[in-house]
Amino acid sequence: MKKRDEYLEFKKRQEKEFEDFPIAYAFNDKQLEEALAKLGATKEECVSVFGHGDVVKKDDVNALIALLGRHTRELRDKLREDKEFAEAAFLYEMDNHEYAINWSADEDVMDCFSIDWTMLRDWGLEDAYRRARNAHMRHAEEWGMI
């Protein structure tokens, strides 16, 4: 449970950093007005980086990209340097993403870490992933999912 908690704390820290970033969301005109007020900006001073309702000042785009890049690098580094952390992280996300009952289970989990099968193999994490999958399947059986 210790490595799971370490993963959750790691994830919480990154989520807090993202939440503290000056970004707002808008899905209609009223929300756009509120988002612009929150950012203290005009419509002309803002863009959408992700294209899904996010509103960011143009001046903050590079900082946002840098933040997300750093988060990805930190997570990948942590996975590579601590296989027990990786296994706990994989298991947490498997349990959290209905792994045993959807058709894109492995891809959903790997997307959480911005990795693919090649990275998993190259980083020597195949056994950690397999152990996590086996543990998840035991959980799914205990929960009556399979």
N, C-alpha and C. Protein backbone atom coordinates (compact mmCIF):
# COMPACT_ATOMS: atom_id res chain seq x y z
N MET A 1 0.83 -1.20 0.00
CA MET A 1 0.00 0.00 0.00
C MET A 1 0.87 1.26 0.00
N LYS A 2 2.10 1.15 0.50
CA LYS A 2 2.98 2.31 0.60
C LYS A 2 3.27 2.93 -0.77
N LYS A 3 3.60 2.11 -1.76
CA LYS A 3 3.92 2.63 -3.09
C LYS A 3 2.67 3.21 -3.76
N ARG A 4 1.51 2.63 -3.48
CA ARG A 4 0.26 3.19 -4.00
C ARG A 4 0.07 4.60 -3.45
N ASP A 5 0.28 4.75 -2.16
CA ASP A 5 0.14 6.06 -1.54
C ASP A 5 1.16 7.05 -2.10
N GLU A 6 2.36 6.55 -2.35
CA GLU A 6 3.40 7.41 -2.94
C GLU A 6 2.96 7.89 -4.33
N TYR A 7 2.38 6.97 -5.11
CA TYR A 7 1.87 7.34 -6.42
C TYR A 7 0.75 8.37 -6.31
N LEU A 8 -0.17 8.15 -5.39
CA LEU A 8 -1.29 9.08 -5.22
C LEU A 8 -0.81 10.46 -4.78
N GLU A 9 0.18 10.50 -3.92
CA GLU A 9 0.76 11.79 -3.50
C GLU A 9 1.45 12.48 -4.68
N PHE A 10 2.18 11.72 -5.46
CA PHE A 10 2.85 12.24 -6.65
C PHE A 10 1.81 12.84 -7.60
N LYS A 11 0.77 12.07 -7.83
CA LYS A 11 -0.31 12.50 -8.72
C LYS A 11 -1.02 13.75 -8.18
N LYS A 12 -1.26 13.76 -6.87
CA LYS A 12 -1.93 14.90 -6.23
C LYS A 12 -1.09 16.17 -6.36
N ARG A 13 0.23 16.04 -6.19
CA ARG A 13 1.12 17.19 -6.32
C ARG A 13 1.05 17.77 -7.74
N GLN A 14 1.10 16.89 -8.72
CA GLN A 14 1.03 17.37 -10.11
C GLN A 14 -0.33 17.98 -10.41
N GLU A 15 -1.39 17.38 -9.92
CA GLU A 15 -2.74 17.93 -10.13
C GLU A 15 -2.86 19.32 -9.50
N LYS A 16 -2.28 19.49 -8.31
CA LYS A 16 -2.32 20.79 -7.64
C LYS A 16 -1.58 21.84 -8.46
N GLU A 17 -0.43 21.49 -8.98
CA GLU A 17 0.33 22.42 -9.82
C GLU A 17 -0.49 22.84 -11.04
N PHE A 18 -1.20 21.87 -11.63
CA PHE A 18 -2.03 22.18 -12.79
C PHE A 18 -3.22 23.05 -12.38
N GLU A 19 -3.85 22.72 -11.27
CA GLU A 19 -4.99 23.51 -10.78
C GLU A 19 -4.58 24.95 -10.48
N ASP A 20 -3.36 25.15 -10.02
CA ASP A 20 -2.87 26.49 -9.69
C ASP A 20 -2.48 27.29 -10.92
N PHE A 21 -2.38 26.64 -12.06
CA PHE A 21 -2.00 27.34 -13.29
C PHE A 21 -3.17 28.22 -13.75
N PRO A 22 -2.88 29.39 -14.31
CA PRO A 22 -3.96 30.28 -14.76
C PRO A 22 -4.62 29.77 -16.05
N ILE A 23 -5.59 28.90 -15.87
CA ILE A 23 -6.36 28.34 -16.97
C ILE A 23 -7.82 28.32 -16.54
N ALA A 24 -8.71 28.52 -17.48
CA ALA A 24 -10.14 28.49 -17.19
C ALA A 24 -10.82 27.66 -18.27
N TYR A 25 -12.08 27.38 -18.08
CA TYR A 25 -12.82 26.55 -19.02
C TYR A 25 -14.15 27.21 -19.34
N ALA A 26 -14.53 27.10 -20.60
CA ALA A 26 -15.79 27.71 -21.04
C ALA A 26 -16.41 26.87 -22.14
N PHE A 27 -17.72 26.65 -22.01
CA PHE A 27 -18.42 25.86 -23.00
C PHE A 27 -19.63 26.60 -23.58
N ASN A 28 -19.78 27.86 -23.17
CA ASN A 28 -20.81 28.72 -23.76
C ASN A 28 -20.36 30.17 -23.55
N ASP A 29 -21.12 31.11 -24.09
CA ASP A 29 -20.72 32.52 -24.03
C ASP A 29 -20.64 33.05 -22.60
N LYS A 30 -21.59 32.66 -21.76
CA LYS A 30 -21.57 33.13 -20.37
C LYS A 30 -20.33 32.62 -19.65
N GLN A 31 -20.00 31.35 -19.83
CA GLN A 31 -18.81 30.78 -19.20
C GLN A 31 -17.54 31.41 -19.75
N LEU A 32 -17.56 31.78 -21.04
CA LEU A 32 -16.39 32.45 -21.62
C LEU A 32 -16.17 33.80 -20.95
N GLU A 33 -17.24 34.54 -20.72
CA GLU A 33 -17.13 35.82 -20.01
C GLU A 33 -16.53 35.61 -18.63
N GLU A 34 -17.02 34.58 -17.92
CA GLU A 34 -16.51 34.28 -16.59
C GLU A 34 -15.04 33.86 -16.64
N ALA A 35 -14.67 33.07 -17.62
CA ALA A 35 -13.29 32.61 -17.77
C ALA A 35 -12.36 33.79 -18.03
N LEU A 36 -12.79 34.68 -18.92
CA LEU A 36 -11.97 35.85 -19.23
C LEU A 36 -11.81 36.74 -18.00
N ALA A 37 -12.88 36.89 -17.23
CA ALA A 37 -12.80 37.68 -15.99
C ALA A 37 -11.84 37.04 -15.00
N LYS A 38 -11.92 35.72 -14.86
CA LYS A 38 -11.03 35.00 -13.95
C LYS A 38 -9.57 35.22 -14.35
N LEU A 39 -9.31 35.21 -15.65
CA LEU A 39 -7.94 35.37 -16.14
C LEU A 39 -7.52 36.83 -16.25
N GLY A 40 -8.50 37.73 -16.13
CA GLY A 40 -8.19 39.15 -16.28
C GLY A 40 -7.72 39.47 -17.68
N ALA A 41 -8.40 38.91 -18.67
CA ALA A 41 -7.95 39.04 -20.06
C ALA A 41 -9.12 39.28 -20.99
N THR A 42 -8.80 39.70 -22.19
CA THR A 42 -9.81 39.83 -23.25
C THR A 42 -9.77 38.57 -24.12
N LYS A 43 -10.78 38.41 -24.91
CA LYS A 43 -10.86 37.26 -25.81
C LYS A 43 -9.66 37.23 -26.76
N GLU A 44 -9.22 38.39 -27.20
CA GLU A 44 -8.10 38.49 -28.13
C GLU A 44 -6.77 38.09 -27.49
N GLU A 45 -6.70 38.18 -26.18
CA GLU A 45 -5.47 37.84 -25.46
C GLU A 45 -5.38 36.36 -25.12
N CYS A 46 -6.42 35.58 -25.46
CA CYS A 46 -6.49 34.18 -25.05
C CYS A 46 -6.58 33.22 -26.23
N VAL A 47 -6.24 31.97 -25.94
CA VAL A 47 -6.36 30.88 -26.92
C VAL A 47 -6.82 29.63 -26.19
N SER A 48 -7.15 28.61 -26.97
CA SER A 48 -7.41 27.28 -26.43
C SER A 48 -6.24 26.40 -26.84
N VAL A 49 -5.57 25.82 -25.87
CA VAL A 49 -4.42 24.96 -26.16
C VAL A 49 -4.88 23.56 -26.54
N PHE A 50 -5.86 23.04 -25.83
CA PHE A 50 -6.30 21.67 -26.03
C PHE A 50 -7.49 21.55 -26.97
N GLY A 51 -8.20 22.66 -27.19
CA GLY A 51 -9.35 22.63 -28.08
C GLY A 51 -10.59 22.02 -27.47
N HIS A 52 -10.65 21.95 -26.14
CA HIS A 52 -11.81 21.35 -25.47
C HIS A 52 -12.34 22.24 -24.37
N GLY A 53 -12.48 23.52 -24.67
CA GLY A 53 -13.06 24.45 -23.72
C GLY A 53 -12.07 25.15 -22.82
N ASP A 54 -10.79 24.85 -22.95
CA ASP A 54 -9.80 25.53 -22.11
C ASP A 54 -9.53 26.93 -22.65
N VAL A 55 -9.27 27.85 -21.74
CA VAL A 55 -8.97 29.23 -22.09
C VAL A 55 -7.69 29.61 -21.34
N VAL A 56 -6.68 30.02 -22.10
CA VAL A 56 -5.37 30.37 -21.54
C VAL A 56 -4.91 31.66 -22.20
N LYS A 57 -4.27 32.52 -21.43
CA LYS A 57 -3.67 33.71 -22.03
C LYS A 57 -2.56 33.27 -22.99
N LYS A 58 -2.48 33.93 -24.12
CA LYS A 58 -1.44 33.59 -25.10
C LYS A 58 -0.06 33.66 -24.46
N ASP A 59 0.14 34.62 -23.57
CA ASP A 59 1.43 34.79 -22.90
C ASP A 59 1.78 33.61 -21.98
N ASP A 60 0.78 32.81 -21.60
CA ASP A 60 1.01 31.69 -20.69
C ASP A 60 1.12 30.33 -21.39
N VAL A 61 0.96 30.31 -22.70
CA VAL A 61 0.96 29.03 -23.43
C VAL A 61 2.28 28.29 -23.25
N ASN A 62 3.40 28.97 -23.43
CA ASN A 62 4.70 28.29 -23.29
C ASN A 62 4.90 27.75 -21.89
N ALA A 63 4.45 28.48 -20.88
CA ALA A 63 4.57 28.01 -19.50
C ALA A 63 3.70 26.78 -19.27
N LEU A 64 2.52 26.75 -19.87
CA LEU A 64 1.64 25.59 -19.74
C LEU A 64 2.27 24.37 -20.41
N ILE A 65 2.80 24.56 -21.60
CA ILE A 65 3.45 23.45 -22.31
C ILE A 65 4.65 22.95 -21.51
N ALA A 66 5.41 23.88 -20.93
CA ALA A 66 6.56 23.49 -20.11
C ALA A 66 6.11 22.71 -18.87
N LEU A 67 5.04 23.16 -18.21
CA LEU A 67 4.52 22.47 -17.04
C LEU A 67 4.12 21.03 -17.39
N LEU A 68 3.36 20.88 -18.46
CA LEU A 68 2.90 19.55 -18.85
C LEU A 68 4.07 18.66 -19.27
N GLY A 69 5.04 19.24 -19.96
CA GLY A 69 6.23 18.48 -20.33
C GLY A 69 7.01 18.01 -19.11
N ARG A 70 7.16 18.89 -18.14
CA ARG A 70 7.86 18.54 -16.90
C ARG A 70 7.12 17.43 -16.17
N HIS A 71 5.80 17.54 -16.10
CA HIS A 71 5.00 16.51 -15.43
C HIS A 71 5.20 15.15 -16.10
N THR A 72 5.18 15.14 -17.42
CA THR A 72 5.37 13.89 -18.15
C THR A 72 6.75 13.32 -17.88
N ARG A 73 7.77 14.17 -17.93
CA ARG A 73 9.15 13.70 -17.68
C ARG A 73 9.29 13.17 -16.26
N GLU A 74 8.74 13.88 -15.28
CA GLU A 74 8.83 13.44 -13.88
C GLU A 74 8.19 12.06 -13.70
N LEU A 75 7.02 11.88 -14.29
CA LEU A 75 6.32 10.61 -14.15
C LEU A 75 7.10 9.49 -14.83
N ARG A 76 7.54 9.74 -16.04
CA ARG A 76 8.31 8.71 -16.75
C ARG A 76 9.60 8.37 -15.99
N ASP A 77 10.28 9.37 -15.48
CA ASP A 77 11.51 9.13 -14.72
C ASP A 77 11.22 8.28 -13.49
N LYS A 78 10.14 8.60 -12.79
CA LYS A 78 9.78 7.86 -11.58
C LYS A 78 9.44 6.41 -11.92
N LEU A 79 8.73 6.18 -13.01
CA LEU A 79 8.40 4.81 -13.43
C LEU A 79 9.67 4.02 -13.72
N ARG A 80 10.59 4.65 -14.44
CA ARG A 80 11.84 3.96 -14.82
C ARG A 80 12.73 3.68 -13.63
N GLU A 81 12.78 4.57 -12.66
CA GLU A 81 13.73 4.41 -11.55
C GLU A 81 13.19 3.55 -10.41
N ASP A 82 11.88 3.33 -10.34
CA ASP A 82 11.30 2.61 -9.21
C ASP A 82 10.21 1.65 -9.71
N LYS A 83 10.61 0.41 -9.94
CA LYS A 83 9.68 -0.57 -10.51
C LYS A 83 8.50 -0.87 -9.58
N GLU A 84 8.73 -0.81 -8.27
CA GLU A 84 7.62 -1.02 -7.33
C GLU A 84 6.61 0.12 -7.43
N PHE A 85 7.10 1.33 -7.57
CA PHE A 85 6.23 2.49 -7.80
C PHE A 85 5.45 2.28 -9.09
N ALA A 86 6.14 1.85 -10.15
CA ALA A 86 5.49 1.62 -11.44
C ALA A 86 4.38 0.59 -11.31
N GLU A 87 4.67 -0.51 -10.66
CA GLU A 87 3.67 -1.56 -10.49
C GLU A 87 2.45 -1.04 -9.73
N ALA A 88 2.70 -0.31 -8.65
CA ALA A 88 1.59 0.25 -7.86
C ALA A 88 0.79 1.25 -8.69
N ALA A 89 1.49 2.06 -9.49
CA ALA A 89 0.81 3.04 -10.34
C ALA A 89 -0.04 2.34 -11.40
N PHE A 90 0.53 1.32 -12.04
CA PHE A 90 -0.22 0.57 -13.05
C PHE A 90 -1.47 -0.05 -12.44
N LEU A 91 -1.30 -0.68 -11.28
CA LEU A 91 -2.45 -1.32 -10.62
C LEU A 91 -3.52 -0.30 -10.25
N TYR A 92 -3.11 0.82 -9.70
CA TYR A 92 -4.09 1.85 -9.34
C TYR A 92 -4.90 2.26 -10.57
N GLU A 93 -4.22 2.53 -11.67
CA GLU A 93 -4.93 2.98 -12.87
C GLU A 93 -5.77 1.87 -13.49
N MET A 94 -5.32 0.63 -13.40
CA MET A 94 -6.15 -0.49 -13.88
C MET A 94 -7.43 -0.56 -13.07
N ASP A 95 -7.30 -0.48 -11.76
CA ASP A 95 -8.48 -0.53 -10.89
C ASP A 95 -9.38 0.68 -11.13
N ASN A 96 -8.80 1.78 -11.52
CA ASN A 96 -9.52 3.03 -11.69
C ASN A 96 -10.15 3.19 -13.07
N HIS A 97 -9.79 2.36 -14.02
CA HIS A 97 -10.26 2.54 -15.40
C HIS A 97 -11.05 1.35 -15.94
N GLU A 98 -11.70 0.61 -15.07
CA GLU A 98 -12.53 -0.51 -15.50
C GLU A 98 -11.77 -1.42 -16.44
N TYR A 99 -10.53 -1.69 -16.10
CA TYR A 99 -9.62 -2.45 -16.95
C TYR A 99 -10.21 -3.75 -17.45
N ALA A 100 -10.84 -4.49 -16.57
CA ALA A 100 -11.29 -5.83 -16.93
C ALA A 100 -12.56 -5.84 -17.78
N ILE A 101 -13.21 -4.70 -17.99
CA ILE A 101 -14.50 -4.74 -18.68
C ILE A 101 -14.58 -3.86 -19.92
N ASN A 102 -13.47 -3.28 -20.36
CA ASN A 102 -13.56 -2.52 -21.60
C ASN A 102 -12.65 -3.12 -22.66
N TRP A 103 -12.72 -2.59 -23.86
CA TRP A 103 -11.99 -3.16 -24.98
C TRP A 103 -10.66 -2.46 -25.25
N SER A 104 -10.31 -1.46 -24.47
CA SER A 104 -9.04 -0.76 -24.69
C SER A 104 -8.28 -0.63 -23.37
N ALA A 105 -8.30 -1.68 -22.61
CA ALA A 105 -7.78 -1.66 -21.25
C ALA A 105 -6.32 -1.23 -21.17
N ASP A 106 -5.44 -1.92 -21.86
CA ASP A 106 -4.02 -1.59 -21.77
C ASP A 106 -3.73 -0.19 -22.30
N GLU A 107 -4.37 0.17 -23.38
CA GLU A 107 -4.15 1.50 -23.93
C GLU A 107 -4.63 2.60 -22.98
N ASP A 108 -5.75 2.38 -22.32
CA ASP A 108 -6.25 3.35 -21.33
C ASP A 108 -5.25 3.54 -20.20
N VAL A 109 -4.70 2.44 -19.72
CA VAL A 109 -3.75 2.52 -18.62
C VAL A 109 -2.47 3.22 -19.08
N MET A 110 -1.94 2.81 -20.21
CA MET A 110 -0.71 3.42 -20.69
C MET A 110 -0.88 4.89 -21.02
N ASP A 111 -2.06 5.26 -21.47
CA ASP A 111 -2.33 6.69 -21.73
C ASP A 111 -2.20 7.52 -20.46
N CYS A 112 -2.49 6.93 -19.31
CA CYS A 112 -2.34 7.65 -18.03
C CYS A 112 -0.91 8.09 -17.79
N PHE A 113 0.02 7.37 -18.40
CA PHE A 113 1.45 7.63 -18.18
C PHE A 113 2.14 8.17 -19.43
N SER A 114 1.38 8.37 -20.50
CA SER A 114 1.93 8.82 -21.78
C SER A 114 3.05 7.89 -22.25
N ILE A 115 2.77 6.59 -22.14
CA ILE A 115 3.73 5.59 -22.60
C ILE A 115 3.06 4.62 -23.55
N ASP A 116 3.86 3.79 -24.20
CA ASP A 116 3.33 2.76 -25.07
C ASP A 116 4.08 1.45 -24.80
N TRP A 117 3.73 0.39 -25.55
CA TRP A 117 4.32 -0.93 -25.32
C TRP A 117 5.83 -0.90 -25.51
N THR A 118 6.32 -0.15 -26.49
CA THR A 118 7.76 -0.09 -26.74
C THR A 118 8.49 0.49 -25.54
N MET A 119 7.97 1.59 -24.99
CA MET A 119 8.59 2.19 -23.81
C MET A 119 8.56 1.21 -22.65
N LEU A 120 7.44 0.55 -22.45
CA LEU A 120 7.30 -0.40 -21.36
C LEU A 120 8.39 -1.47 -21.46
N ARG A 121 8.60 -1.99 -22.67
CA ARG A 121 9.64 -3.01 -22.88
C ARG A 121 11.04 -2.41 -22.70
N ASP A 122 11.28 -1.26 -23.34
CA ASP A 122 12.61 -0.65 -23.28
C ASP A 122 13.01 -0.28 -21.86
N TRP A 123 12.06 0.06 -21.03
CA TRP A 123 12.34 0.48 -19.66
C TRP A 123 12.35 -0.70 -18.69
N GLY A 124 12.14 -1.91 -19.20
CA GLY A 124 12.16 -3.08 -18.34
C GLY A 124 10.99 -3.16 -17.38
N LEU A 125 9.84 -2.66 -17.80
CA LEU A 125 8.67 -2.62 -16.92
C LEU A 125 7.61 -3.67 -17.27
N GLU A 126 7.93 -4.58 -18.16
CA GLU A 126 6.93 -5.58 -18.55
C GLU A 126 6.49 -6.45 -17.37
N ASP A 127 7.45 -6.87 -16.54
CA ASP A 127 7.08 -7.70 -15.39
C ASP A 127 6.23 -6.93 -14.39
N ALA A 128 6.58 -5.67 -14.15
CA ALA A 128 5.79 -4.84 -13.23
C ALA A 128 4.37 -4.69 -13.76
N TYR A 129 4.23 -4.49 -15.06
CA TYR A 129 2.91 -4.34 -15.67
C TYR A 129 2.12 -5.65 -15.55
N ARG A 130 2.78 -6.76 -15.82
CA ARG A 130 2.14 -8.07 -15.74
C ARG A 130 1.68 -8.37 -14.30
N ARG A 131 2.54 -8.06 -13.32
CA ARG A 131 2.15 -8.28 -11.92
C ARG A 131 0.94 -7.41 -11.55
N ALA A 132 0.94 -6.19 -12.02
CA ALA A 132 -0.19 -5.30 -11.75
C ALA A 132 -1.46 -5.85 -12.39
N ARG A 133 -1.35 -6.32 -13.62
CA ARG A 133 -2.52 -6.88 -14.31
C ARG A 133 -3.04 -8.10 -13.56
N ASN A 134 -2.15 -8.98 -13.11
CA ASN A 134 -2.57 -10.16 -12.36
C ASN A 134 -3.27 -9.77 -11.06
N ALA A 135 -2.71 -8.79 -10.36
CA ALA A 135 -3.34 -8.31 -9.12
C ALA A 135 -4.70 -7.70 -9.42
N HIS A 136 -4.79 -6.94 -10.50
CA HIS A 136 -6.07 -6.33 -10.85
C HIS A 136 -7.11 -7.41 -11.14
N MET A 137 -6.72 -8.43 -11.87
CA MET A 137 -7.68 -9.50 -12.20
C MET A 137 -8.14 -10.21 -10.93
N ARG A 138 -7.24 -10.38 -9.96
CA ARG A 138 -7.67 -10.95 -8.67
C ARG A 138 -8.68 -10.02 -8.01
N HIS A 139 -8.41 -8.71 -8.04
CA HIS A 139 -9.37 -7.75 -7.48
C HIS A 139 -10.71 -7.84 -8.20
N ALA A 140 -10.66 -7.87 -9.51
CA ALA A 140 -11.90 -7.91 -10.30
C ALA A 140 -12.71 -9.15 -9.96
N GLU A 141 -12.02 -10.27 -9.75
CA GLU A 141 -12.73 -11.50 -9.38
C GLU A 141 -13.35 -11.34 -7.98
N GLU A 142 -12.60 -10.75 -7.06
CA GLU A 142 -13.12 -10.53 -5.70
C GLU A 142 -14.31 -9.59 -5.72
N TRP A 143 -14.29 -8.60 -6.61
CA TRP A 143 -15.36 -7.63 -6.70
C TRP A 143 -16.56 -8.16 -7.49
N GLY A 144 -16.43 -9.38 -8.03
CA GLY A 144 -17.51 -9.98 -8.81
C GLY A 144 -17.63 -9.43 -10.22
N MET A 145 -16.56 -8.83 -10.72
CA MET A 145 -16.60 -8.27 -12.07
C MET A 145 -16.37 -9.33 -13.14
N ILE A 146 -15.66 -10.40 -12.77
CA ILE A 146 -15.42 -11.49 -13.74
C ILE A 146 -15.68 -12.81 -13.08
